[in-house]
């Protein structure tokens, strides 16, 4: 005796070897034996063989039409053998019964399964809806195949004109367009980005990199909603000092300024004056939400995305010839440059001048400091004294730097880039950086002393992190370091300024101990700040490659850092050059450059020769 039975959702045929009331021992055509429940048996027959029945049933199934069967079946539940009897008009042969069973099982939109070998025709409206869905899927599949074919032929379908670059960066993977792009990329063996490029949809690699960043971090765009200028407290004490700032020409967010007062007893009073937007940007306000969302100004060659709207920046920036609200830290300094005491004030400060690097560096530099006969210039006495004081502060941190290092300024003019070397640790840099380090370290210590929560930047074992604990910053050589001097550009500085103002005013801190807002700010700021810095580094690398193409540079000299890692001599560019492996670290080598790719921001550097051996250990840079 043979049988048809259901197992794991499939219909199988076999021979009955033995049977009880509940189970049957069966043998399939392959010879495999298994034990099945009697309830799983759908059909028993004596002849022909199971193999012949299944083969004929497969053929007969192809002749059956599901729509016709649905019309024949009526509306009530039925068994498959019953429908086979009606359809064929005679007692069905085993192959005919199995063929109809297979067709019913393969037509779920026409027939709903109700039990062992039993089905019920789908209601007419349900069937119509299901057919419409299938037709929609068919048309979608055809469209997807068409789009994939066009892309694979490197023709951009019109549908993609508004989707690039979003479809490459933040795609909706459920769309036909994305699925077609996936199919075409697989068919051509290209990455999706390269495929879209071959289709001519990335005319500007610069714009592609910019949009890639904006889509992730500024999905609603970089424009601000209209905001009203904040209203500051009506009365602040007025300082008698005349302060000045030092920034480059492009700086609009002037956070800090300095003042120097000479006293009759020979001591000097130094003022570090920081813009005070915390006076008007109240926590939870619309203005605060704007700053909290962006968390920092984003810098990159040729442009920037400010944390605050221009109206707010203009209101608080330390612009020259204006009296500006400021949080001031005063240092009383002895003639021998020892700090005798400090005082923090909230006040109005007159900003006499905004000195700009482009002009000031020609007058205030390492050479002019050594030349007493150099013609006089504004603030010469203050700047030269501040330089001496900064050197003392730097030495006090144990960080006196005698190594010549070079920074680079990137200046974009349309499609051209100039990359200008600038010696790190210039007098301007040293004065500003040392006084800001002092302020951030001092105010961080003040917050800790008063047990007022703050946000600190700590460093240990070369790893830097944001934290709410006043931990040391080993790289700077200070016991604690709380960013507080750039509240127009960094949200953590704005947060810390609110806390400092609460101490000055004698009020409860805005963020109490264990404040969830403070913890959330630390977490979100660190993520955003790292992403912004990575974007800046990526765009700087992009423009360095643009400069190499622009200047037609095919060979460069570089210093071997270690193994295959080299640093260019003429650009702040570090790259891997596998062919350099084996050359001693510190050696200077000549490299041939090729295959510059502005989309992947990559290139190939090939070793040509060693130009100079590593310097002697006595002069080697540590």
Protein backbone atom coordinates (compact mmCIF):
# COMPACT_ATOMS: atom_id res chain seq x y z
CA UNK A 1 0.00 0.00 0.00
CA UNK A 2 1.22 3.45 -0.92
CA UNK A 3 0.40 6.81 0.56
CA UNK A 4 0.66 10.59 0.22
CA UNK A 5 1.44 12.40 3.48
CA UNK A 6 2.27 15.92 4.63
CA UNK A 7 5.54 16.63 6.45
CA UNK A 8 7.02 20.04 7.27
CA UNK A 9 4.63 21.76 4.88
CA UNK A 10 5.52 19.50 1.95
CA UNK A 11 3.65 16.61 0.31
CA UNK A 12 5.57 13.36 0.06
CA UNK A 13 4.88 9.87 -1.29
CA UNK A 14 6.00 6.51 0.05
CA UNK A 15 5.21 2.90 0.89
CA UNK A 16 3.58 1.78 4.12
CA UNK A 17 5.75 -0.80 5.88
CA UNK A 18 3.67 -1.11 9.03
CA UNK A 19 0.87 0.79 10.72
CA UNK A 20 -0.86 1.20 14.08
CA UNK A 21 -3.86 3.27 15.00
CA UNK A 22 -1.68 6.32 15.64
CA UNK A 23 1.44 5.96 13.47
CA UNK A 24 2.78 4.46 10.30
CA UNK A 25 6.25 3.31 9.31
CA UNK A 26 6.87 4.51 5.73
CA UNK A 27 9.65 4.23 3.19
CA UNK A 28 10.21 6.99 0.65
CA UNK A 29 11.33 6.35 -2.92
CA UNK A 30 14.86 7.30 -1.86
CA UNK A 31 14.87 4.46 0.61
CA UNK A 32 14.69 6.68 3.65
CA UNK A 33 12.42 5.33 6.36
CA UNK A 34 10.49 7.47 8.81
CA UNK A 35 7.71 7.28 11.32
CA UNK A 36 4.72 9.54 10.73
CA UNK A 37 1.44 10.17 12.47
CA UNK A 38 -1.61 8.57 10.91
CA UNK A 39 -3.26 11.98 10.95
CA UNK A 40 -0.66 13.20 8.42
CA UNK A 41 -1.79 10.68 5.77
CA UNK A 42 -3.82 12.36 3.03
CA UNK A 43 -4.27 9.61 0.45
CA UNK A 44 -3.80 5.85 0.23
CA UNK A 45 -3.58 3.93 -3.07
CA UNK A 46 -2.48 0.53 -4.33
CA UNK A 47 -1.12 1.51 -7.74
CA UNK A 48 0.75 2.86 -9.57
CA UNK A 49 4.05 3.43 -7.71
CA UNK A 50 4.56 6.63 -5.68
CA UNK A 51 7.23 7.79 -8.12
CA UNK A 52 4.87 7.49 -11.08
CA UNK A 53 2.04 9.20 -9.21
CA UNK A 54 4.19 12.21 -8.25
CA UNK A 55 5.67 12.56 -11.72
CA UNK A 56 2.26 12.51 -13.40
CA UNK A 57 0.80 14.82 -10.76
CA UNK A 58 3.47 17.46 -11.47
CA UNK A 59 2.49 17.40 -15.14
CA UNK A 60 -1.23 17.55 -14.47
CA UNK A 61 -0.79 20.45 -12.01
CA UNK A 62 0.54 22.67 -14.77
CA UNK A 63 -2.74 22.18 -16.67
CA UNK A 64 -4.89 23.33 -13.77
CA UNK A 65 -6.12 26.92 -13.56
CA UNK A 66 -6.53 28.34 -10.05
CA UNK A 67 -9.17 30.86 -11.12
CA UNK A 68 -11.33 28.15 -12.69
CA UNK A 69 -10.93 25.89 -9.67
CA UNK A 70 -11.99 28.80 -7.44
CA UNK A 71 -15.15 29.27 -9.50
CA UNK A 72 -15.92 25.53 -9.39
CA UNK A 73 -15.29 25.23 -5.64
CA UNK A 74 -18.18 27.47 -4.53
CA UNK A 75 -17.99 29.16 -1.14
CA UNK A 76 -17.95 26.37 1.43
CA UNK A 77 -15.08 24.42 2.92
CA UNK A 78 -14.16 21.23 1.04
CA UNK A 79 -11.71 18.36 0.91
CA UNK A 80 -9.31 18.05 -2.01
CA UNK A 81 -10.64 14.63 -3.08
CA UNK A 82 -14.16 16.06 -3.17
CA UNK A 83 -13.09 18.87 -5.51
CA UNK A 84 -11.11 16.42 -7.64
CA UNK A 85 -14.28 14.31 -8.09
CA UNK A 86 -16.24 17.38 -9.24
CA UNK A 87 -13.50 18.74 -11.47
CA UNK A 88 -12.67 15.52 -13.33
CA UNK A 89 -16.26 14.18 -13.36
CA UNK A 90 -15.22 10.73 -12.22
CA UNK A 91 -13.52 9.02 -9.31
CA UNK A 92 -10.08 10.62 -9.60
CA UNK A 93 -7.00 8.60 -10.16
CA UNK A 94 -4.25 9.03 -7.49
CA UNK A 95 -2.25 11.30 -9.79
CA UNK A 96 -5.31 13.50 -10.42
CA UNK A 97 -6.07 13.82 -6.70
CA UNK A 98 -2.46 14.70 -5.93
CA UNK A 99 -2.30 17.19 -8.82
CA UNK A 100 -5.32 19.04 -7.48
CA UNK A 101 -3.90 18.93 -3.95
CA UNK A 102 -0.64 20.45 -5.15
CA UNK A 103 -2.51 23.19 -7.04
CA UNK A 104 -4.66 24.08 -4.03
CA UNK A 105 -1.58 24.25 -1.82
CA UNK A 106 0.26 26.45 -4.36
CA UNK A 107 -2.67 28.92 -4.61
CA UNK A 108 -2.96 30.47 -1.12
CA UNK A 109 -4.67 33.62 -2.39
CA UNK A 110 -7.45 31.51 -3.93
CA UNK A 111 -7.79 28.87 -1.23
CA UNK A 112 -7.26 29.16 2.52
CA UNK A 113 -6.11 25.99 4.22
CA UNK A 114 -8.50 24.82 6.93
CA UNK A 115 -7.01 21.50 8.02
CA UNK A 116 -5.61 18.21 6.69
CA UNK A 117 -6.35 18.28 2.96
CA UNK A 118 -9.18 20.74 3.49
CA UNK A 119 -9.54 24.22 2.03
CA UNK A 120 -11.99 27.08 1.78
CA UNK A 121 -12.27 29.41 -1.22
CA UNK A 122 -11.20 32.97 -0.46
CA UNK A 123 -14.00 35.57 -0.45
CA UNK A 124 -14.30 37.40 -3.76
CA UNK A 125 -13.17 40.76 -2.34
CA UNK A 126 -10.21 39.16 -0.59
CA UNK A 127 -9.14 37.42 -3.80
CA UNK A 128 -9.48 40.64 -5.78
CA UNK A 129 -7.30 42.52 -3.28
CA UNK A 130 -4.70 39.76 -3.29
CA UNK A 131 -4.57 39.75 -7.08
CA UNK A 132 -4.14 43.51 -7.10
CA UNK A 133 -1.26 43.13 -4.65
CA UNK A 134 0.39 40.50 -6.83
CA UNK A 135 0.01 42.70 -9.88
CA UNK A 136 1.55 45.59 -7.99
CA UNK A 137 4.49 43.40 -7.01
CA UNK A 138 4.89 42.24 -10.59
CA UNK A 139 4.96 45.77 -11.91
CA UNK A 140 7.38 46.80 -9.16
CA UNK A 141 9.68 43.91 -10.02
CA UNK A 142 9.60 44.93 -13.68
CA UNK A 143 10.39 48.53 -12.76
CA UNK A 144 13.20 47.44 -10.43
CA UNK A 145 14.69 45.29 -13.18
CA UNK A 146 14.45 48.20 -15.64
CA UNK A 147 16.15 50.62 -13.25
CA UNK A 148 18.88 48.09 -12.47
CA UNK A 149 19.44 47.54 -16.20
CA UNK A 150 19.79 51.25 -16.86
CA UNK A 151 22.23 51.69 -13.99
CA UNK A 152 24.25 48.67 -15.05
CA UNK A 153 24.53 50.29 -18.49
CA UNK A 154 25.81 53.44 -16.72
CA UNK A 155 22.73 55.48 -17.59
CA UNK A 156 21.17 57.41 -14.72
CA UNK A 157 17.37 57.02 -14.66
CA UNK A 158 15.54 60.32 -14.02
CA UNK A 159 14.24 58.97 -10.71
CA UNK A 160 17.75 59.20 -9.24
CA UNK A 161 18.40 62.87 -9.98
CA UNK A 162 16.90 63.97 -6.66
CA UNK A 163 18.14 60.96 -4.69
CA UNK A 164 21.90 61.45 -5.00
CA UNK A 165 23.75 61.57 -2.67
CA UNK A 166 21.13 60.61 -0.04
CA UNK A 167 20.65 57.15 -1.55
CA UNK A 168 24.38 56.51 -1.01
CA UNK A 169 24.61 57.88 2.51
CA UNK A 170 21.27 57.59 4.30
CA UNK A 171 19.14 55.42 2.01
CA UNK A 172 15.70 54.00 2.55
CA UNK A 173 16.58 50.40 1.78
CA UNK A 174 12.95 49.46 1.19
CA UNK A 175 12.61 51.58 -1.94
CA UNK A 176 12.73 50.16 -5.45
CA UNK A 177 15.43 52.65 -6.35
CA UNK A 178 17.75 51.39 -3.64
CA UNK A 179 17.06 47.73 -4.44
CA UNK A 180 17.74 48.40 -8.11
CA UNK A 181 21.00 50.13 -7.19
CA UNK A 182 21.98 47.09 -5.13
CA UNK A 183 21.19 44.79 -8.04
CA UNK A 184 23.13 46.92 -10.52
CA UNK A 185 26.14 47.19 -8.22
CA UNK A 186 26.20 43.40 -7.83
CA UNK A 187 25.87 42.94 -11.59
CA UNK A 188 28.70 45.34 -12.45
CA UNK A 189 30.99 44.42 -9.55
CA UNK A 190 31.24 48.10 -8.59
CA UNK A 191 30.49 49.75 -5.27
CA UNK A 192 27.30 51.79 -5.23
CA UNK A 193 29.29 55.03 -5.07
CA UNK A 194 31.46 54.05 -8.02
CA UNK A 195 28.43 52.98 -10.02
CA UNK A 196 26.67 56.30 -9.43
CA UNK A 197 29.89 58.08 -10.37
CA UNK A 198 30.09 56.10 -13.62
CA UNK A 199 26.55 57.26 -14.33
CA UNK A 200 27.78 60.85 -14.10
CA UNK A 201 25.77 61.70 -10.99
CA UNK A 202 28.70 62.97 -8.88
CA UNK A 203 29.96 65.97 -10.84
CA UNK A 204 31.52 67.54 -7.73
CA UNK A 205 33.45 65.32 -5.34
CA UNK A 206 33.72 68.24 -2.91
CA UNK A 207 29.96 68.70 -2.80
CA UNK A 208 29.52 64.94 -2.39
CA UNK A 209 31.76 64.87 0.69
CA UNK A 210 30.07 67.95 2.11
CA UNK A 211 26.57 66.58 1.55
CA UNK A 212 27.56 63.21 3.00
CA UNK A 213 28.41 64.95 6.26
CA UNK A 214 25.38 67.23 6.25
CA UNK A 215 22.92 64.41 5.61
CA UNK A 216 24.17 62.60 8.70
CA UNK A 217 24.63 65.50 11.11
CA UNK A 218 22.44 68.29 9.69
CA UNK A 219 19.56 66.42 7.99
CA UNK A 220 17.32 69.49 8.20
CA UNK A 221 19.96 71.77 6.71
CA UNK A 222 22.30 74.33 8.22
CA UNK A 223 20.01 77.35 8.16
CA UNK A 224 18.62 78.62 11.46
CA UNK A 225 15.01 79.40 12.14
CA UNK A 226 14.48 83.11 12.87
CA UNK A 227 15.42 83.97 16.45
CA UNK A 228 15.06 87.10 18.50
CA UNK A 229 18.01 88.71 20.21
CA UNK A 230 18.21 87.84 23.90
CA UNK A 231 17.77 90.50 26.54
CA UNK A 232 20.69 90.76 28.96
CA UNK A 233 20.34 91.68 32.63
CA UNK A 234 19.91 95.46 32.82
CA UNK A 235 22.93 96.26 34.99
CA UNK A 236 26.46 94.86 35.07
CA UNK A 237 29.44 96.60 36.67
CA UNK A 238 31.64 98.36 34.14
CA UNK A 239 35.32 97.55 34.00
CA UNK A 240 37.87 100.32 33.45
CA UNK A 241 40.11 98.15 31.23
CA UNK A 242 40.50 98.45 27.48
CA UNK A 243 40.73 94.92 26.13
CA UNK A 244 41.88 93.55 22.78
CA UNK A 245 41.38 90.23 21.00
CA UNK A 246 43.65 88.30 18.61
CA UNK A 247 42.00 86.20 15.88
CA UNK A 248 42.28 85.54 12.17
CA UNK A 249 40.28 87.55 9.64
CA UNK A 250 37.59 84.87 9.25
CA UNK A 251 36.71 84.77 12.94
CA UNK A 252 33.29 86.17 13.78
CA UNK A 253 32.78 84.29 17.06
CA UNK A 254 35.25 86.29 19.14
CA UNK A 255 35.07 84.52 22.48
CA UNK A 256 38.11 85.91 24.27
CA UNK A 257 40.01 89.14 24.79
CA UNK A 258 42.89 90.24 27.01
CA UNK A 259 43.81 93.32 28.98
CA UNK A 260 46.93 94.43 30.83
CA UNK A 261 47.08 97.08 33.58
CA UNK A 262 50.37 98.40 34.93
CA UNK A 263 50.24 99.26 38.62
CA UNK A 264 52.28 101.76 40.58
CA UNK A 265 53.77 99.05 42.83
CA UNK A 266 55.27 97.27 39.80
CA UNK A 267 52.69 94.50 39.71
CA UNK A 268 50.55 93.80 36.68
CA UNK A 269 46.86 92.93 36.47
CA UNK A 270 46.03 90.68 33.53
CA UNK A 271 42.43 90.29 32.43
CA UNK A 272 41.12 87.28 30.51
CA UNK A 273 37.70 88.32 29.24
CA UNK A 274 35.29 85.72 27.86
CA UNK A 275 32.07 86.49 25.98
CA UNK A 276 29.04 85.75 28.17
CA UNK A 277 26.17 84.28 26.11
CA UNK A 278 25.05 82.33 29.21
CA UNK A 279 23.53 85.62 30.43
CA UNK A 280 20.87 85.54 27.72
CA UNK A 281 20.60 81.90 26.60
CA UNK A 282 18.56 80.35 29.36
CA UNK A 283 18.51 76.54 29.74
CA UNK A 284 15.64 74.93 27.86
CA UNK A 285 14.85 78.06 25.85
CA UNK A 286 14.53 78.11 22.07
CA UNK A 287 18.01 79.62 21.82
CA UNK A 288 19.41 76.94 24.10
CA UNK A 289 17.81 74.17 22.01
CA UNK A 290 19.54 75.56 18.93
CA UNK A 291 22.95 75.44 20.62
CA UNK A 292 22.22 72.09 22.29
CA UNK A 293 21.34 70.49 18.97
CA UNK A 294 24.53 71.57 17.21
CA UNK A 295 26.86 71.40 20.24
CA UNK A 296 29.81 73.00 18.43
CA UNK A 297 30.83 75.09 15.47
CA UNK A 298 32.04 72.91 12.59
CA UNK A 299 35.25 74.07 10.90
CA UNK A 300 36.56 72.94 7.52
CA UNK A 301 38.64 74.53 4.75
CA UNK A 302 36.81 77.38 3.10
CA UNK A 303 33.77 77.51 5.37
CA UNK A 304 32.26 76.77 8.76
CA UNK A 305 28.88 75.91 10.27
CA UNK A 306 28.35 77.99 13.38
CA UNK A 307 26.80 76.64 16.56
CA UNK A 308 24.76 79.81 17.05
CA UNK A 309 22.82 81.95 14.58
CA UNK A 310 24.47 85.11 13.32
CA UNK A 311 22.07 87.30 15.32
CA UNK A 312 23.16 85.68 18.56
CA UNK A 313 26.84 85.72 17.65
CA UNK A 314 26.63 89.44 16.83
CA UNK A 315 24.95 90.07 20.16
CA UNK A 316 27.69 88.47 22.25
CA UNK A 317 30.88 88.52 20.17
CA UNK A 318 33.60 90.72 21.64
CA UNK A 319 33.52 93.22 18.80
CA UNK A 320 35.86 96.19 18.81
CA UNK A 321 34.63 99.59 19.96
CA UNK A 322 31.82 97.93 21.93
CA UNK A 323 31.10 97.44 25.61
CA UNK A 324 30.41 93.72 25.91
CA UNK A 325 29.17 91.50 28.74
CA UNK A 326 32.00 89.24 29.80
CA UNK A 327 33.04 86.73 32.42
CA UNK A 328 36.48 88.00 33.38
CA UNK A 329 39.32 86.27 35.18
CA UNK A 330 41.87 88.70 36.59
CA UNK A 331 45.40 87.62 37.50
CA UNK A 332 47.52 89.75 39.81
CA UNK A 333 51.10 89.15 38.72
CA UNK A 334 54.29 90.13 40.55
CA UNK A 335 57.18 91.85 38.73
CA UNK A 336 58.97 88.48 38.68
CA UNK A 337 55.91 87.03 36.86
CA UNK A 338 54.55 85.04 39.79
CA UNK A 339 50.75 84.86 40.03
CA UNK A 340 49.82 86.45 43.34
CA UNK A 341 46.07 86.03 43.19
CA UNK A 342 43.01 85.71 40.98
CA UNK A 343 39.51 87.17 40.84
CA UNK A 344 36.49 86.26 38.68
CA UNK A 345 33.96 88.96 37.77
CA UNK A 346 30.83 89.31 35.66
CA UNK A 347 31.03 92.75 34.04
CA UNK A 348 30.84 94.97 31.00
CA UNK A 349 34.22 95.25 29.27
CA UNK A 350 35.21 97.73 26.59
CA UNK A 351 36.79 95.95 23.62
CA UNK A 352 39.15 98.52 22.16
CA UNK A 353 40.51 96.48 19.25
CA UNK A 354 40.11 93.22 17.37
CA UNK A 355 43.67 92.49 16.29
CA UNK A 356 43.92 90.16 13.31
CA UNK A 357 46.67 87.56 12.81
CA UNK A 358 47.21 88.51 9.19
CA UNK A 359 48.37 92.01 10.25
CA UNK A 360 49.68 91.33 13.74
CA UNK A 361 52.03 88.49 12.80
CA UNK A 362 54.13 90.85 10.70
CA UNK A 363 54.76 92.96 13.80
CA UNK A 364 54.60 90.52 16.70
CA UNK A 365 56.78 87.52 15.90
CA UNK A 366 59.91 85.72 17.06
CA UNK A 367 62.19 88.02 15.04
CA UNK A 368 60.71 91.31 16.21
CA UNK A 369 60.82 90.15 19.82
CA UNK A 370 64.61 89.97 19.49
CA UNK A 371 64.86 93.32 17.74
CA UNK A 372 64.52 96.33 20.10
CA UNK A 373 64.90 98.67 17.12
CA UNK A 374 61.81 97.34 15.37
CA UNK A 375 59.28 100.17 14.82
CA UNK A 376 56.61 100.53 17.44
CA UNK A 377 53.13 99.07 16.90
CA UNK A 378 49.84 99.03 18.87
CA UNK A 379 49.92 97.03 22.12
CA UNK A 380 53.62 96.28 21.74
CA UNK A 381 54.37 96.68 25.42
CA UNK A 382 51.38 94.53 26.45
CA UNK A 383 52.13 91.81 23.91
CA UNK A 384 55.84 91.53 24.70
CA UNK A 385 55.11 91.34 28.43
CA UNK A 386 52.35 88.78 27.85
CA UNK A 387 54.77 86.69 25.82
CA UNK A 388 57.22 86.58 28.72
CA UNK A 389 54.40 85.76 31.12
CA UNK A 390 53.09 83.01 28.81
CA UNK A 391 56.55 81.43 28.74
CA UNK A 392 56.49 81.28 32.56
CA UNK A 393 53.01 79.71 32.52
CA UNK A 394 54.13 77.17 29.93
CA UNK A 395 57.21 76.23 31.94
CA UNK A 396 55.06 75.96 35.06
CA UNK A 397 53.05 73.22 33.33
CA UNK A 398 56.29 71.42 32.49
CA UNK A 399 55.52 71.82 28.81
CA UNK A 400 58.14 74.24 27.51
CA UNK A 401 58.40 73.37 23.83
CA UNK A 402 61.70 73.96 22.08
CA UNK A 403 60.87 71.78 19.07
CA UNK A 404 60.10 73.56 15.82
CA UNK A 405 56.70 72.45 14.58
CA UNK A 406 54.69 73.69 11.63
CA UNK A 407 50.95 74.23 11.28
CA UNK A 408 49.21 74.96 7.99
CA UNK A 409 46.46 77.40 7.06
CA UNK A 410 44.04 76.25 4.35
CA UNK A 411 42.66 79.07 2.24
CA UNK A 412 40.07 78.23 -0.41
CA UNK A 413 39.36 80.67 -3.22
CA UNK A 414 36.77 79.20 -5.54
CA UNK A 415 38.33 76.08 -7.02
CA UNK A 416 41.86 76.93 -5.90
CA UNK A 417 43.49 76.08 -2.61
CA UNK A 418 46.53 77.60 -0.94
CA UNK A 419 48.12 75.75 1.95
CA UNK A 420 50.38 78.10 3.86
CA UNK A 421 52.84 76.82 6.49
CA UNK A 422 52.74 78.60 9.81
CA UNK A 423 55.18 77.88 12.61
CA UNK A 424 53.42 76.42 15.62
CA UNK A 425 54.09 78.15 18.90
CA UNK A 426 54.33 81.62 17.35
CA UNK A 427 54.19 84.46 19.89
CA UNK A 428 50.50 85.05 19.14
CA UNK A 429 49.69 81.36 19.59
CA UNK A 430 51.67 81.11 22.79
CA UNK A 431 50.07 84.14 24.43
CA UNK A 432 46.50 83.13 23.61
CA UNK A 433 46.88 79.41 24.27
CA UNK A 434 48.70 79.76 27.60
CA UNK A 435 46.25 82.28 29.02
CA UNK A 436 43.27 80.19 27.88
CA UNK A 437 44.82 77.05 29.38
CA UNK A 438 45.32 78.93 32.63
CA UNK A 439 41.68 80.12 32.62
CA UNK A 440 40.25 76.68 31.83
CA UNK A 441 42.41 74.97 34.43
CA UNK A 442 41.74 77.63 37.09
CA UNK A 443 37.98 77.75 36.53
CA UNK A 444 37.87 73.95 36.47
CA UNK A 445 39.56 73.93 39.86
CA UNK A 446 37.18 76.60 41.11
CA UNK A 447 34.15 74.53 40.11
CA UNK A 448 35.61 71.51 41.91
CA UNK A 449 36.48 73.57 45.00
CA UNK A 450 32.94 74.95 45.23
CA UNK A 451 31.49 71.49 44.55
CA UNK A 452 29.62 72.81 41.53
CA UNK A 453 29.29 70.24 38.72
CA UNK A 454 31.11 70.97 35.50
CA UNK A 455 32.31 69.30 32.31
CA UNK A 456 36.01 68.52 32.10
CA UNK A 457 38.36 67.39 29.38
CA UNK A 458 40.74 64.84 30.84
CA UNK A 459 43.67 62.94 29.38
CA UNK A 460 45.51 59.88 30.67
CA UNK A 461 47.86 57.54 28.84
CA UNK A 462 47.34 59.47 25.62
CA UNK A 463 43.54 59.04 25.64
CA UNK A 464 41.35 62.14 25.90
CA UNK A 465 37.75 62.08 27.07
CA UNK A 466 34.98 64.33 28.34
CA UNK A 467 33.94 63.75 31.95
CA UNK A 468 32.08 65.34 34.85
CA UNK A 469 34.97 64.55 37.20
CA UNK A 470 37.88 67.02 37.65
CA UNK A 471 40.52 64.53 36.47
CA UNK A 472 44.02 65.58 35.32
CA UNK A 473 44.89 66.43 31.74
CA UNK A 474 48.34 64.87 31.40
CA UNK A 475 48.95 66.27 27.95
CA UNK A 476 48.57 69.84 29.20
CA UNK A 477 50.16 69.17 32.58
CA UNK A 478 47.25 70.52 34.62
CA UNK A 479 45.28 69.00 37.51
CA UNK A 480 41.95 69.63 35.78
CA UNK A 481 40.77 71.31 32.60
CA UNK A 482 37.22 72.57 32.07
CA UNK A 483 36.57 74.10 28.66
CA UNK A 484 35.10 77.53 29.48
CA UNK A 485 36.70 80.02 27.10
CA UNK A 486 34.73 79.40 23.87
CA UNK A 487 31.04 79.62 24.80
CA UNK A 488 30.09 80.98 21.37
CA UNK A 489 31.61 77.93 19.68
CA UNK A 490 31.23 74.97 22.06
CA UNK A 491 28.18 74.01 24.07
CA UNK A 492 30.20 72.55 26.96
CA UNK A 493 31.83 75.95 27.43
CA UNK A 494 28.37 77.52 27.58
CA UNK A 495 27.31 74.94 30.17
CA UNK A 496 30.41 75.55 32.28
CA UNK A 497 29.90 79.30 32.00
CA UNK A 498 26.42 78.95 33.48
CA UNK A 499 27.92 77.10 36.43
CA UNK A 500 30.67 79.70 36.91
CA UNK A 501 28.16 82.55 36.79
CA UNK A 502 26.13 80.83 39.51
CA UNK A 503 29.22 80.92 41.77
CA UNK A 504 29.89 84.58 40.98
CA UNK A 505 26.22 85.47 41.60
CA UNK A 506 25.90 83.27 44.68
CA UNK A 507 22.91 81.35 43.25
CA UNK A 508 22.15 77.66 42.93
CA UNK A 509 23.93 76.03 39.99
CA UNK A 510 21.88 75.55 36.85
CA UNK A 511 22.97 71.90 36.76
CA UNK A 512 22.84 70.31 40.22
CA UNK A 513 24.96 67.33 41.26
CA UNK A 514 24.23 64.13 39.29
CA UNK A 515 22.33 66.17 36.70
CA UNK A 516 21.06 63.95 33.88
CA UNK A 517 21.26 66.98 31.56
CA UNK A 518 24.97 67.27 32.28
CA UNK A 519 25.63 63.59 31.64
CA UNK A 520 23.63 63.70 28.40
CA UNK A 521 25.55 66.77 27.24
CA UNK A 522 28.88 65.02 27.85
CA UNK A 523 27.76 61.98 25.86
CA UNK A 524 26.25 63.89 22.94
CA UNK A 525 29.00 66.49 22.74
CA UNK A 526 31.76 63.90 22.55
CA UNK A 527 30.05 62.07 19.69
CA UNK A 528 29.37 65.25 17.73
CA UNK A 529 32.75 66.82 18.39
CA UNK A 530 34.59 63.71 17.23
CA UNK A 531 32.47 63.57 14.08
CA UNK A 532 33.03 67.27 13.34
CA UNK A 533 36.79 66.91 13.78
CA UNK A 534 36.85 63.84 11.56
CA UNK A 535 35.00 65.79 8.86
CA UNK A 536 37.51 68.62 9.15
CA UNK A 537 40.42 66.18 8.82
CA UNK A 538 38.76 64.49 5.86
CA UNK A 539 38.16 67.77 4.03
CA UNK A 540 41.72 68.93 4.76
CA UNK A 541 43.03 65.68 3.27
CA UNK A 542 40.74 66.21 0.27
CA UNK A 543 42.09 69.70 -0.32
CA UNK A 544 45.67 68.49 0.05
CA UNK A 545 45.04 66.07 -2.81
CA UNK A 546 43.42 68.89 -4.77
CA UNK A 547 46.56 70.95 -4.14
CA UNK A 548 48.80 68.16 -5.45
CA UNK A 549 46.75 68.04 -8.66
CA UNK A 550 46.56 71.84 -8.89
CA UNK A 551 50.32 72.24 -8.53
CA UNK A 552 51.05 69.21 -10.71
CA UNK A 553 53.12 67.59 -7.95
CA UNK A 554 54.23 64.06 -8.83
CA UNK A 555 57.10 63.64 -6.36
CA UNK A 556 57.54 64.66 -2.73
CA UNK A 557 59.96 64.16 0.12
CA UNK A 558 58.71 62.68 3.36
CA UNK A 559 59.94 61.45 6.74
CA UNK A 560 59.45 57.84 7.75
CA UNK A 561 57.48 57.64 11.00
CA UNK A 562 57.52 53.86 11.38
CA UNK A 563 57.24 50.83 9.14
CA UNK A 564 55.25 52.02 6.08
CA UNK A 565 53.93 55.23 7.63
CA UNK A 566 55.33 58.53 6.32
CA UNK A 567 54.75 62.25 6.86
CA UNK A 568 55.11 64.68 3.95
CA UNK A 569 57.59 67.52 4.37
CA UNK A 570 55.54 70.09 2.46
CA UNK A 571 52.03 69.23 3.69
CA UNK A 572 50.43 68.06 6.95
CA UNK A 573 49.76 64.74 5.24
CA UNK A 574 50.43 61.33 6.76
CA UNK A 575 49.94 58.24 4.61
CA UNK A 576 50.98 54.65 4.16
CA UNK A 577 53.56 53.75 1.54
CA UNK A 578 54.10 49.95 1.65
CA UNK A 579 57.24 50.17 -0.48
CA UNK A 580 58.94 52.19 2.29
CA UNK A 581 58.86 49.22 4.65
CA UNK A 582 62.40 48.49 5.77
CA UNK A 583 63.62 52.09 5.67
CA UNK A 584 64.73 53.28 9.12
CA UNK A 585 62.33 55.57 11.04
CA UNK A 586 63.40 59.21 10.82
CA UNK A 587 64.92 58.83 7.36
CA UNK A 588 63.87 61.20 4.60
CA UNK A 589 62.66 59.55 1.41
CA UNK A 590 61.50 60.60 -2.02
CA UNK A 591 58.11 59.30 -3.11
CA UNK A 592 56.34 59.14 -6.47
CA UNK A 593 52.63 60.00 -6.31
CA UNK A 594 49.95 58.51 -8.55
CA UNK A 595 46.31 57.39 -8.76
CA UNK A 596 44.91 60.38 -6.85
CA UNK A 597 41.24 59.62 -6.18
CA UNK A 598 39.17 62.55 -4.91
CA UNK A 599 36.09 60.42 -4.27
CA UNK A 600 37.75 57.93 -1.95
CA UNK A 601 40.32 60.59 -0.94
CA UNK A 602 43.16 58.18 -1.60
CA UNK A 603 46.34 58.02 -3.63
CA UNK A 604 49.37 55.79 -4.14
CA UNK A 605 52.84 56.71 -2.86
CA UNK A 606 55.78 54.70 -4.21
CA UNK A 607 59.29 54.74 -2.72
CA UNK A 608 61.96 56.11 -5.05
CA UNK A 609 65.03 56.62 -2.88
CA UNK A 610 66.31 57.58 0.55
CA UNK A 611 67.29 61.24 0.54
CA UNK A 612 68.80 61.44 4.04
CA UNK A 613 69.42 58.91 6.83
CA UNK A 614 67.79 59.30 10.25
CA UNK A 615 69.28 62.12 12.35
CA UNK A 616 71.65 61.29 15.18
CA UNK A 617 69.95 60.22 18.37
CA UNK A 618 71.23 63.38 20.07
CA UNK A 619 69.17 65.54 17.71
CA UNK A 620 66.32 63.17 16.97
CA UNK A 621 62.82 64.41 17.60
CA UNK A 622 61.33 62.38 20.48
